[in-house]
Amino acid sequence: MPTDHTADDIAELVEWDGTVDVDWPAVETEFGLTLPADFKRLMDRFPSGWFCSFFEVYSPEGEDVSGSMFHSELTQRLERIRDWVALDPSPVPYPVHPEPGGIIPWGGSASGNSFFWLPGGRRPDEWTVVFCDDEFSQWGEYPGPASAFLLDVLTGAFVHDFFVGYPQGVQPDFGPME
């Protein structure tokens, strides 16, 4: 089981000292769900951007939630996986949001992996992370929250075949999307 990592641990690791102003009530109203506290803390520290030019995380920052990178990416990833399931449901072992307990996307990687929360009927702070390749044919799970997953992959504490393209041995960094 992963240890409890915080957004501050990740910020220190990647030498980031910024913060972001997110209107969480507006975001959660827009999506009709409560998001995990660890993700909200992470997105209160980081804008939309890339960790090690490999892992992308979208922040719901800004005045207009419906125009944010987070909203756009969440919507596009959900539409893509729903379209895929409509053609061939066999490779997707989970329901897809808004189905009860359906996976909800929150990030991805340069190699096409998608990162999701798996609500599974649990409270948001108990959601685990599941991830898949760009064709939804290979899946993996991480038994903890998004921020712990991100930190554990960046530091090498969590290793999985999905991250073969991850630049191991480099100093983790962060670059905001421009």
N, C-alpha and C. Protein backbone atom coordinates (compact mmCIF):
# COMPACT_ATOMS: atom_id res chain seq x y z
N MET A 1 0.85 -1.18 0.00
CA MET A 1 0.00 0.00 0.00
C MET A 1 0.90 1.24 0.00
N PRO A 2 0.56 2.24 -0.82
CA PRO A 2 1.40 3.42 -0.90
C PRO A 2 1.31 4.26 0.37
N THR A 3 2.36 5.02 0.59
CA THR A 3 2.32 5.93 1.72
C THR A 3 1.57 7.19 1.30
N ASP A 4 1.20 8.03 2.27
CA ASP A 4 0.45 9.23 1.98
C ASP A 4 1.40 10.33 1.50
N HIS A 5 1.38 10.61 0.21
CA HIS A 5 2.19 11.68 -0.36
C HIS A 5 1.30 12.89 -0.56
N THR A 6 1.94 14.04 -0.53
CA THR A 6 1.16 15.26 -0.71
C THR A 6 1.63 16.01 -1.95
N ALA A 7 0.83 16.97 -2.34
CA ALA A 7 1.20 17.84 -3.46
C ALA A 7 2.49 18.58 -3.15
N ASP A 8 2.70 18.91 -1.88
CA ASP A 8 3.94 19.60 -1.51
C ASP A 8 5.16 18.72 -1.74
N ASP A 9 5.03 17.41 -1.51
CA ASP A 9 6.15 16.49 -1.77
C ASP A 9 6.51 16.50 -3.25
N ILE A 10 5.48 16.50 -4.10
CA ILE A 10 5.72 16.51 -5.54
C ILE A 10 6.31 17.85 -5.95
N ALA A 11 5.77 18.95 -5.43
CA ALA A 11 6.30 20.28 -5.75
C ALA A 11 7.77 20.38 -5.36
N GLU A 12 8.13 19.87 -4.20
CA GLU A 12 9.53 19.89 -3.78
C GLU A 12 10.40 19.05 -4.71
N LEU A 13 9.92 17.88 -5.08
CA LEU A 13 10.67 16.99 -5.96
C LEU A 13 10.96 17.64 -7.31
N VAL A 14 9.98 18.33 -7.86
CA VAL A 14 10.14 18.92 -9.20
C VAL A 14 10.54 20.40 -9.13
N GLU A 15 10.81 20.88 -7.92
CA GLU A 15 11.26 22.25 -7.70
C GLU A 15 10.27 23.28 -8.27
N TRP A 16 9.01 23.09 -7.91
CA TRP A 16 7.94 23.99 -8.35
C TRP A 16 7.43 24.75 -7.14
N ASP A 17 7.33 26.07 -7.25
CA ASP A 17 6.84 26.84 -6.11
C ASP A 17 5.57 27.62 -6.40
N GLY A 18 4.93 27.33 -7.52
CA GLY A 18 3.71 28.04 -7.88
C GLY A 18 2.49 27.48 -7.17
N THR A 19 1.41 28.22 -7.32
CA THR A 19 0.10 27.78 -6.85
C THR A 19 -0.93 28.18 -7.91
N VAL A 20 -2.10 27.63 -7.80
CA VAL A 20 -3.17 27.86 -8.76
C VAL A 20 -4.44 28.14 -7.99
N ASP A 21 -5.28 29.00 -8.55
CA ASP A 21 -6.56 29.30 -7.93
C ASP A 21 -7.65 28.53 -8.66
N VAL A 22 -8.21 27.52 -8.00
CA VAL A 22 -9.26 26.70 -8.60
C VAL A 22 -10.53 26.89 -7.79
N ASP A 23 -11.62 27.14 -8.48
CA ASP A 23 -12.93 27.27 -7.85
C ASP A 23 -13.54 25.87 -7.78
N TRP A 24 -13.20 25.12 -6.73
CA TRP A 24 -13.61 23.72 -6.63
C TRP A 24 -15.12 23.54 -6.60
N PRO A 25 -15.89 24.39 -5.91
CA PRO A 25 -17.34 24.21 -5.97
C PRO A 25 -17.88 24.30 -7.41
N ALA A 26 -17.35 25.24 -8.21
CA ALA A 26 -17.79 25.37 -9.61
C ALA A 26 -17.38 24.15 -10.42
N VAL A 27 -16.16 23.66 -10.20
CA VAL A 27 -15.67 22.48 -10.94
C VAL A 27 -16.54 21.27 -10.62
N GLU A 28 -16.77 21.03 -9.34
CA GLU A 28 -17.54 19.86 -8.94
C GLU A 28 -19.01 19.97 -9.37
N THR A 29 -19.54 21.18 -9.39
CA THR A 29 -20.90 21.38 -9.90
C THR A 29 -20.95 21.08 -11.39
N GLU A 30 -19.95 21.58 -12.14
CA GLU A 30 -19.89 21.36 -13.59
C GLU A 30 -19.89 19.87 -13.93
N PHE A 31 -19.12 19.08 -13.17
CA PHE A 31 -19.01 17.66 -13.47
C PHE A 31 -19.98 16.79 -12.70
N GLY A 32 -20.67 17.37 -11.75
CA GLY A 32 -21.66 16.61 -11.01
C GLY A 32 -21.06 15.54 -10.12
N LEU A 33 -19.82 15.76 -9.66
CA LEU A 33 -19.20 14.80 -8.75
C LEU A 33 -18.19 15.50 -7.87
N THR A 34 -17.94 14.89 -6.73
CA THR A 34 -16.93 15.38 -5.80
C THR A 34 -15.62 14.69 -6.14
N LEU A 35 -14.55 15.48 -6.28
CA LEU A 35 -13.24 14.93 -6.63
C LEU A 35 -12.43 14.62 -5.38
N PRO A 36 -11.46 13.71 -5.48
CA PRO A 36 -10.64 13.36 -4.32
C PRO A 36 -9.85 14.56 -3.80
N ALA A 37 -9.73 14.66 -2.48
CA ALA A 37 -9.02 15.78 -1.84
C ALA A 37 -7.56 15.83 -2.27
N ASP A 38 -6.91 14.67 -2.45
CA ASP A 38 -5.49 14.70 -2.84
C ASP A 38 -5.32 15.33 -4.22
N PHE A 39 -6.26 15.07 -5.14
CA PHE A 39 -6.18 15.66 -6.48
C PHE A 39 -6.41 17.17 -6.40
N LYS A 40 -7.34 17.58 -5.56
CA LYS A 40 -7.60 19.01 -5.42
C LYS A 40 -6.37 19.72 -4.85
N ARG A 41 -5.70 19.10 -3.89
CA ARG A 41 -4.47 19.69 -3.35
C ARG A 41 -3.39 19.77 -4.44
N LEU A 42 -3.29 18.71 -5.26
CA LEU A 42 -2.31 18.69 -6.34
C LEU A 42 -2.60 19.81 -7.34
N MET A 43 -3.85 19.95 -7.72
CA MET A 43 -4.21 20.97 -8.71
C MET A 43 -4.24 22.38 -8.14
N ASP A 44 -4.24 22.51 -6.80
CA ASP A 44 -4.07 23.82 -6.19
C ASP A 44 -2.60 24.26 -6.24
N ARG A 45 -1.71 23.33 -6.53
CA ARG A 45 -0.27 23.63 -6.65
C ARG A 45 0.18 23.75 -8.10
N PHE A 46 -0.40 22.97 -9.02
CA PHE A 46 0.10 22.90 -10.39
C PHE A 46 -0.95 23.30 -11.41
N PRO A 47 -0.55 24.09 -12.42
CA PRO A 47 -1.44 24.32 -13.55
C PRO A 47 -1.41 23.09 -14.46
N SER A 48 -2.18 23.11 -15.52
CA SER A 48 -2.08 22.04 -16.51
C SER A 48 -0.64 21.96 -16.99
N GLY A 49 -0.10 20.77 -17.10
CA GLY A 49 1.30 20.67 -17.51
C GLY A 49 1.83 19.26 -17.56
N TRP A 50 3.14 19.19 -17.77
CA TRP A 50 3.86 17.93 -17.97
C TRP A 50 4.87 17.71 -16.86
N PHE A 51 4.88 16.51 -16.34
CA PHE A 51 5.93 16.08 -15.42
C PHE A 51 6.93 15.26 -16.24
N CYS A 52 8.19 15.68 -16.23
CA CYS A 52 9.26 15.00 -16.98
C CYS A 52 8.94 14.90 -18.48
N SER A 53 8.18 15.83 -19.00
CA SER A 53 7.79 15.82 -20.42
C SER A 53 7.14 14.49 -20.80
N PHE A 54 6.59 13.77 -19.83
CA PHE A 54 6.03 12.45 -20.09
C PHE A 54 4.62 12.29 -19.54
N PHE A 55 4.39 12.73 -18.29
CA PHE A 55 3.08 12.59 -17.64
C PHE A 55 2.35 13.92 -17.72
N GLU A 56 1.14 13.89 -18.26
CA GLU A 56 0.36 15.11 -18.33
C GLU A 56 -0.82 15.06 -17.36
N VAL A 57 -1.02 16.16 -16.67
CA VAL A 57 -2.13 16.29 -15.73
C VAL A 57 -2.82 17.60 -16.07
N TYR A 58 -4.15 17.54 -16.14
CA TYR A 58 -4.93 18.71 -16.51
C TYR A 58 -5.59 19.33 -15.30
N SER A 59 -5.38 20.62 -15.16
CA SER A 59 -5.96 21.37 -14.06
C SER A 59 -7.26 22.03 -14.49
N PRO A 60 -8.24 22.09 -13.61
CA PRO A 60 -9.48 22.81 -13.92
C PRO A 60 -9.37 24.29 -13.57
N GLU A 61 -8.18 24.85 -13.68
CA GLU A 61 -7.95 26.25 -13.34
C GLU A 61 -8.69 27.19 -14.28
N GLY A 62 -8.82 28.43 -13.87
CA GLY A 62 -9.35 29.46 -14.74
C GLY A 62 -10.76 29.88 -14.42
N GLU A 63 -11.18 30.93 -15.10
CA GLU A 63 -12.49 31.51 -14.86
C GLU A 63 -13.63 30.61 -15.35
N ASP A 64 -13.46 30.03 -16.53
CA ASP A 64 -14.54 29.28 -17.17
C ASP A 64 -14.22 27.79 -17.12
N VAL A 65 -14.80 27.10 -16.17
CA VAL A 65 -14.52 25.67 -15.99
C VAL A 65 -14.77 24.89 -17.26
N SER A 66 -15.84 25.20 -17.97
CA SER A 66 -16.18 24.42 -19.16
C SER A 66 -15.18 24.62 -20.29
N GLY A 67 -14.33 25.65 -20.22
CA GLY A 67 -13.31 25.87 -21.25
C GLY A 67 -11.92 25.46 -20.82
N SER A 68 -11.79 24.88 -19.62
CA SER A 68 -10.47 24.52 -19.11
C SER A 68 -9.91 23.29 -19.79
N MET A 69 -8.58 23.13 -19.71
CA MET A 69 -7.92 21.93 -20.25
C MET A 69 -8.50 20.68 -19.58
N PHE A 70 -8.76 20.77 -18.30
CA PHE A 70 -9.30 19.63 -17.55
C PHE A 70 -10.64 19.20 -18.15
N HIS A 71 -11.53 20.16 -18.34
CA HIS A 71 -12.84 19.86 -18.89
C HIS A 71 -12.71 19.28 -20.29
N SER A 72 -11.91 19.93 -21.13
CA SER A 72 -11.73 19.47 -22.51
C SER A 72 -11.16 18.06 -22.55
N GLU A 73 -10.11 17.82 -21.79
CA GLU A 73 -9.47 16.51 -21.83
C GLU A 73 -10.36 15.44 -21.23
N LEU A 74 -11.00 15.74 -20.10
CA LEU A 74 -11.90 14.78 -19.49
C LEU A 74 -13.00 14.40 -20.46
N THR A 75 -13.59 15.41 -21.10
CA THR A 75 -14.68 15.16 -22.05
C THR A 75 -14.19 14.35 -23.24
N GLN A 76 -13.04 14.72 -23.82
CA GLN A 76 -12.50 14.00 -24.98
C GLN A 76 -12.15 12.55 -24.64
N ARG A 77 -11.51 12.34 -23.50
CA ARG A 77 -11.13 10.97 -23.11
C ARG A 77 -12.36 10.12 -22.84
N LEU A 78 -13.38 10.70 -22.21
CA LEU A 78 -14.60 9.94 -21.97
C LEU A 78 -15.29 9.60 -23.28
N GLU A 79 -15.36 10.56 -24.20
CA GLU A 79 -15.98 10.29 -25.50
C GLU A 79 -15.20 9.21 -26.25
N ARG A 80 -13.89 9.28 -26.20
CA ARG A 80 -13.07 8.29 -26.92
C ARG A 80 -13.27 6.88 -26.36
N ILE A 81 -13.27 6.74 -25.04
CA ILE A 81 -13.43 5.40 -24.47
C ILE A 81 -14.86 4.90 -24.68
N ARG A 82 -15.85 5.79 -24.61
CA ARG A 82 -17.24 5.37 -24.89
C ARG A 82 -17.38 4.90 -26.34
N ASP A 83 -16.77 5.63 -27.28
CA ASP A 83 -16.80 5.22 -28.69
C ASP A 83 -16.13 3.86 -28.86
N TRP A 84 -15.02 3.65 -28.18
CA TRP A 84 -14.29 2.39 -28.26
C TRP A 84 -15.16 1.25 -27.73
N VAL A 85 -15.77 1.48 -26.56
CA VAL A 85 -16.62 0.46 -25.94
C VAL A 85 -17.82 0.13 -26.82
N ALA A 86 -18.34 1.14 -27.50
CA ALA A 86 -19.48 0.90 -28.40
C ALA A 86 -19.09 -0.04 -29.53
N LEU A 87 -17.84 0.04 -29.98
CA LEU A 87 -17.37 -0.84 -31.04
C LEU A 87 -16.98 -2.22 -30.52
N ASP A 88 -16.30 -2.24 -29.36
CA ASP A 88 -15.82 -3.49 -28.80
C ASP A 88 -15.64 -3.35 -27.29
N PRO A 89 -16.63 -3.74 -26.51
CA PRO A 89 -16.54 -3.57 -25.06
C PRO A 89 -15.57 -4.52 -24.35
N SER A 90 -15.10 -5.54 -25.05
CA SER A 90 -14.30 -6.57 -24.38
C SER A 90 -13.00 -6.07 -23.75
N PRO A 91 -12.27 -5.09 -24.32
CA PRO A 91 -11.01 -4.73 -23.68
C PRO A 91 -11.15 -3.83 -22.46
N VAL A 92 -12.33 -3.28 -22.18
CA VAL A 92 -12.49 -2.34 -21.07
C VAL A 92 -13.16 -3.07 -19.91
N PRO A 93 -12.36 -3.38 -18.88
CA PRO A 93 -12.89 -4.20 -17.77
C PRO A 93 -13.68 -3.43 -16.72
N TYR A 94 -13.95 -2.15 -16.96
CA TYR A 94 -14.64 -1.32 -15.98
C TYR A 94 -15.80 -0.58 -16.66
N PRO A 95 -16.81 -0.20 -15.87
CA PRO A 95 -17.81 0.70 -16.44
C PRO A 95 -17.16 2.06 -16.69
N VAL A 96 -17.80 2.88 -17.51
CA VAL A 96 -17.27 4.20 -17.86
C VAL A 96 -18.23 5.27 -17.33
N HIS A 97 -17.68 6.28 -16.70
CA HIS A 97 -18.47 7.39 -16.18
C HIS A 97 -19.36 7.95 -17.29
N PRO A 98 -20.64 8.20 -17.09
CA PRO A 98 -21.32 8.38 -15.81
C PRO A 98 -22.00 7.12 -15.26
N GLU A 99 -21.71 5.94 -15.82
CA GLU A 99 -22.27 4.73 -15.22
C GLU A 99 -21.82 4.65 -13.77
N PRO A 100 -22.63 4.09 -12.89
CA PRO A 100 -22.24 3.98 -11.48
C PRO A 100 -20.89 3.26 -11.34
N GLY A 101 -19.98 3.89 -10.59
CA GLY A 101 -18.66 3.32 -10.38
C GLY A 101 -17.75 3.39 -11.59
N GLY A 102 -18.17 4.13 -12.63
CA GLY A 102 -17.42 4.19 -13.88
C GLY A 102 -16.13 4.98 -13.78
N ILE A 103 -15.12 4.53 -14.54
CA ILE A 103 -13.81 5.19 -14.53
C ILE A 103 -13.93 6.63 -15.02
N ILE A 104 -13.08 7.49 -14.41
CA ILE A 104 -13.08 8.92 -14.71
C ILE A 104 -11.64 9.32 -15.03
N PRO A 105 -11.37 9.87 -16.22
CA PRO A 105 -9.99 10.22 -16.58
C PRO A 105 -9.49 11.46 -15.83
N TRP A 106 -8.18 11.44 -15.51
CA TRP A 106 -7.57 12.63 -14.88
C TRP A 106 -6.20 12.97 -15.46
N GLY A 107 -5.64 12.13 -16.31
CA GLY A 107 -4.33 12.44 -16.88
C GLY A 107 -3.93 11.41 -17.91
N GLY A 108 -2.72 11.56 -18.42
CA GLY A 108 -2.22 10.64 -19.43
C GLY A 108 -0.72 10.74 -19.56
N SER A 109 -0.18 10.10 -20.59
CA SER A 109 1.27 10.14 -20.80
C SER A 109 1.58 10.39 -22.26
N ALA A 110 2.82 10.75 -22.52
CA ALA A 110 3.28 11.01 -23.88
C ALA A 110 3.18 9.77 -24.76
N SER A 111 3.17 8.59 -24.16
CA SER A 111 3.10 7.36 -24.95
C SER A 111 1.65 6.90 -25.15
N GLY A 112 0.68 7.72 -24.76
CA GLY A 112 -0.72 7.40 -25.02
C GLY A 112 -1.45 6.72 -23.89
N ASN A 113 -0.80 6.47 -22.76
CA ASN A 113 -1.48 5.88 -21.63
C ASN A 113 -2.51 6.86 -21.09
N SER A 114 -3.60 6.34 -20.54
CA SER A 114 -4.61 7.16 -19.87
C SER A 114 -4.66 6.76 -18.41
N PHE A 115 -4.84 7.75 -17.55
CA PHE A 115 -4.95 7.52 -16.12
C PHE A 115 -6.37 7.87 -15.69
N PHE A 116 -6.97 6.97 -14.92
CA PHE A 116 -8.35 7.12 -14.49
C PHE A 116 -8.45 6.93 -12.98
N TRP A 117 -9.53 7.45 -12.42
CA TRP A 117 -9.94 7.05 -11.09
C TRP A 117 -10.92 5.91 -11.26
N LEU A 118 -10.91 4.99 -10.33
CA LEU A 118 -11.90 3.92 -10.28
C LEU A 118 -12.72 4.13 -9.01
N PRO A 119 -13.88 4.79 -9.14
CA PRO A 119 -14.69 5.07 -7.95
C PRO A 119 -15.20 3.80 -7.27
N GLY A 120 -15.72 2.87 -8.06
CA GLY A 120 -16.19 1.61 -7.50
C GLY A 120 -17.16 1.75 -6.35
N GLY A 121 -17.95 2.84 -6.31
CA GLY A 121 -18.92 3.01 -5.24
C GLY A 121 -18.33 3.51 -3.94
N ARG A 122 -17.02 3.81 -3.94
CA ARG A 122 -16.37 4.29 -2.72
C ARG A 122 -16.38 5.82 -2.68
N ARG A 123 -16.06 6.38 -1.51
CA ARG A 123 -15.91 7.84 -1.37
C ARG A 123 -14.72 8.30 -2.20
N PRO A 124 -14.72 9.55 -2.69
CA PRO A 124 -13.64 10.03 -3.56
C PRO A 124 -12.23 9.84 -2.99
N ASP A 125 -12.05 10.00 -1.70
CA ASP A 125 -10.71 9.85 -1.13
C ASP A 125 -10.26 8.39 -1.06
N GLU A 126 -11.14 7.47 -1.41
CA GLU A 126 -10.80 6.05 -1.44
C GLU A 126 -10.64 5.52 -2.86
N TRP A 127 -10.83 6.40 -3.87
CA TRP A 127 -10.70 5.96 -5.26
C TRP A 127 -9.27 5.53 -5.54
N THR A 128 -9.14 4.48 -6.32
CA THR A 128 -7.82 4.04 -6.74
C THR A 128 -7.57 4.50 -8.17
N VAL A 129 -6.36 4.30 -8.62
CA VAL A 129 -5.95 4.68 -9.98
C VAL A 129 -5.89 3.43 -10.84
N VAL A 130 -6.46 3.52 -12.03
CA VAL A 130 -6.27 2.50 -13.05
C VAL A 130 -5.72 3.21 -14.28
N PHE A 131 -4.99 2.48 -15.09
CA PHE A 131 -4.38 3.08 -16.27
C PHE A 131 -4.40 2.07 -17.41
N CYS A 132 -4.33 2.60 -18.62
CA CYS A 132 -4.37 1.72 -19.79
C CYS A 132 -3.57 2.31 -20.93
N ASP A 133 -3.32 1.46 -21.93
CA ASP A 133 -2.62 1.93 -23.13
C ASP A 133 -3.59 2.66 -24.04
N ASP A 134 -3.09 3.16 -25.15
CA ASP A 134 -3.91 3.99 -26.03
C ASP A 134 -5.01 3.23 -26.76
N GLU A 135 -4.97 1.91 -26.76
CA GLU A 135 -6.02 1.11 -27.39
C GLU A 135 -6.93 0.42 -26.36
N PHE A 136 -6.77 0.78 -25.10
CA PHE A 136 -7.57 0.22 -24.02
C PHE A 136 -7.44 -1.30 -23.94
N SER A 137 -6.31 -1.84 -24.39
CA SER A 137 -6.16 -3.29 -24.42
C SER A 137 -5.35 -3.83 -23.25
N GLN A 138 -4.53 -3.00 -22.63
CA GLN A 138 -3.74 -3.43 -21.48
C GLN A 138 -4.03 -2.48 -20.32
N TRP A 139 -4.29 -3.06 -19.17
CA TRP A 139 -4.69 -2.27 -18.01
C TRP A 139 -3.80 -2.57 -16.82
N GLY A 140 -3.68 -1.61 -15.93
CA GLY A 140 -2.96 -1.80 -14.68
C GLY A 140 -3.67 -1.02 -13.58
N GLU A 141 -3.36 -1.36 -12.34
CA GLU A 141 -3.97 -0.67 -11.20
C GLU A 141 -2.90 -0.24 -10.22
N TYR A 142 -3.17 0.85 -9.55
CA TYR A 142 -2.33 1.36 -8.46
C TYR A 142 -3.25 1.53 -7.26
N PRO A 143 -2.91 0.93 -6.13
CA PRO A 143 -3.83 0.92 -4.98
C PRO A 143 -3.79 2.18 -4.13
N GLY A 144 -3.88 3.33 -4.76
CA GLY A 144 -3.85 4.56 -3.98
C GLY A 144 -4.30 5.74 -4.81
N PRO A 145 -4.19 6.93 -4.23
CA PRO A 145 -4.67 8.14 -4.90
C PRO A 145 -3.73 8.63 -6.01
N ALA A 146 -4.25 9.57 -6.80
CA ALA A 146 -3.52 10.10 -7.96
C ALA A 146 -2.19 10.73 -7.59
N SER A 147 -2.14 11.52 -6.52
CA SER A 147 -0.89 12.19 -6.17
C SER A 147 0.18 11.19 -5.75
N ALA A 148 -0.21 10.15 -5.02
CA ALA A 148 0.76 9.12 -4.62
C ALA A 148 1.24 8.35 -5.85
N PHE A 149 0.34 8.05 -6.76
CA PHE A 149 0.70 7.37 -8.01
C PHE A 149 1.73 8.19 -8.77
N LEU A 150 1.45 9.47 -8.96
CA LEU A 150 2.35 10.33 -9.71
C LEU A 150 3.73 10.39 -9.04
N LEU A 151 3.77 10.60 -7.75
CA LEU A 151 5.05 10.69 -7.05
C LEU A 151 5.79 9.36 -7.10
N ASP A 152 5.08 8.27 -6.90
CA ASP A 152 5.74 6.96 -6.91
C ASP A 152 6.29 6.58 -8.28
N VAL A 153 5.61 6.99 -9.34
CA VAL A 153 6.15 6.73 -10.68
C VAL A 153 7.34 7.64 -10.95
N LEU A 154 7.24 8.92 -10.58
CA LEU A 154 8.34 9.86 -10.80
C LEU A 154 9.61 9.46 -10.07
N THR A 155 9.47 8.88 -8.88
CA THR A 155 10.64 8.51 -8.08
C THR A 155 11.09 7.07 -8.31
N GLY A 156 10.32 6.31 -9.09
CA GLY A 156 10.68 4.91 -9.34
C GLY A 156 10.19 3.96 -8.27
N ALA A 157 9.40 4.44 -7.32
CA ALA A 157 8.87 3.57 -6.26
C ALA A 157 7.78 2.64 -6.79
N PHE A 158 7.15 3.00 -7.90
CA PHE A 158 6.16 2.14 -8.55
C PHE A 158 6.63 1.90 -9.97
N VAL A 159 6.84 0.65 -10.30
CA VAL A 159 7.33 0.27 -11.62
C VAL A 159 6.29 -0.61 -12.29
N HIS A 160 6.04 -0.34 -13.58
CA HIS A 160 5.09 -1.11 -14.34
C HIS A 160 5.50 -1.06 -15.80
N ASP A 161 5.19 -2.09 -16.56
CA ASP A 161 5.54 -2.14 -17.98
C ASP A 161 5.01 -0.95 -18.77
N PHE A 162 3.95 -0.34 -18.31
CA PHE A 162 3.38 0.81 -19.01
C PHE A 162 4.35 1.97 -19.11
N PHE A 163 5.27 2.05 -18.19
CA PHE A 163 6.14 3.21 -18.11
C PHE A 163 7.53 2.97 -18.68
N VAL A 164 7.62 2.04 -19.62
CA VAL A 164 8.89 1.74 -20.26
C VAL A 164 9.46 2.99 -20.92
N GLY A 165 8.61 3.82 -21.51
CA GLY A 165 9.06 5.03 -22.18
C GLY A 165 9.39 6.18 -21.25
N TYR A 166 9.12 6.01 -19.96
CA TYR A 166 9.40 7.06 -18.99
C TYR A 166 10.90 7.25 -18.86
N PRO A 167 11.37 8.49 -18.87
CA PRO A 167 12.81 8.75 -18.81
C PRO A 167 13.40 8.48 -17.43
N GLN A 168 13.62 7.22 -17.11
CA GLN A 168 14.18 6.83 -15.81
C GLN A 168 15.57 7.45 -15.63
N GLY A 169 15.88 7.78 -14.40
CA GLY A 169 17.21 8.28 -14.07
C GLY A 169 17.37 9.79 -14.27
N VAL A 170 16.31 10.47 -14.73
CA VAL A 170 16.41 11.92 -14.88
C VAL A 170 15.81 12.59 -13.65
N GLN A 171 16.25 13.79 -13.39
CA GLN A 171 15.68 14.57 -12.29
C GLN A 171 14.25 14.94 -12.65
N PRO A 172 13.26 14.53 -11.87
CA PRO A 172 11.88 14.89 -12.17
C PRO A 172 11.73 16.41 -12.24
N ASP A 173 10.94 16.86 -13.21
CA ASP A 173 10.65 18.29 -13.35
C ASP A 173 9.20 18.48 -13.76
N PHE A 174 8.81 19.74 -13.85
CA PHE A 174 7.45 20.08 -14.23
C PHE A 174 7.50 21.27 -15.18
N GLY A 175 6.69 21.20 -16.25
CA GLY A 175 6.57 22.31 -17.18
C GLY A 175 5.12 22.59 -17.47
N PRO A 176 4.65 23.81 -17.16
CA PRO A 176 3.26 24.13 -17.45
C PRO A 176 2.98 24.20 -18.93
N MET A 177 1.73 23.88 -19.31
CA MET A 177 1.32 24.01 -20.71
C MET A 177 1.15 25.49 -21.01
N GLU A 178 1.54 25.86 -22.20
CA GLU A 178 1.44 27.27 -22.56
C GLU A 178 0.43 27.49 -23.65
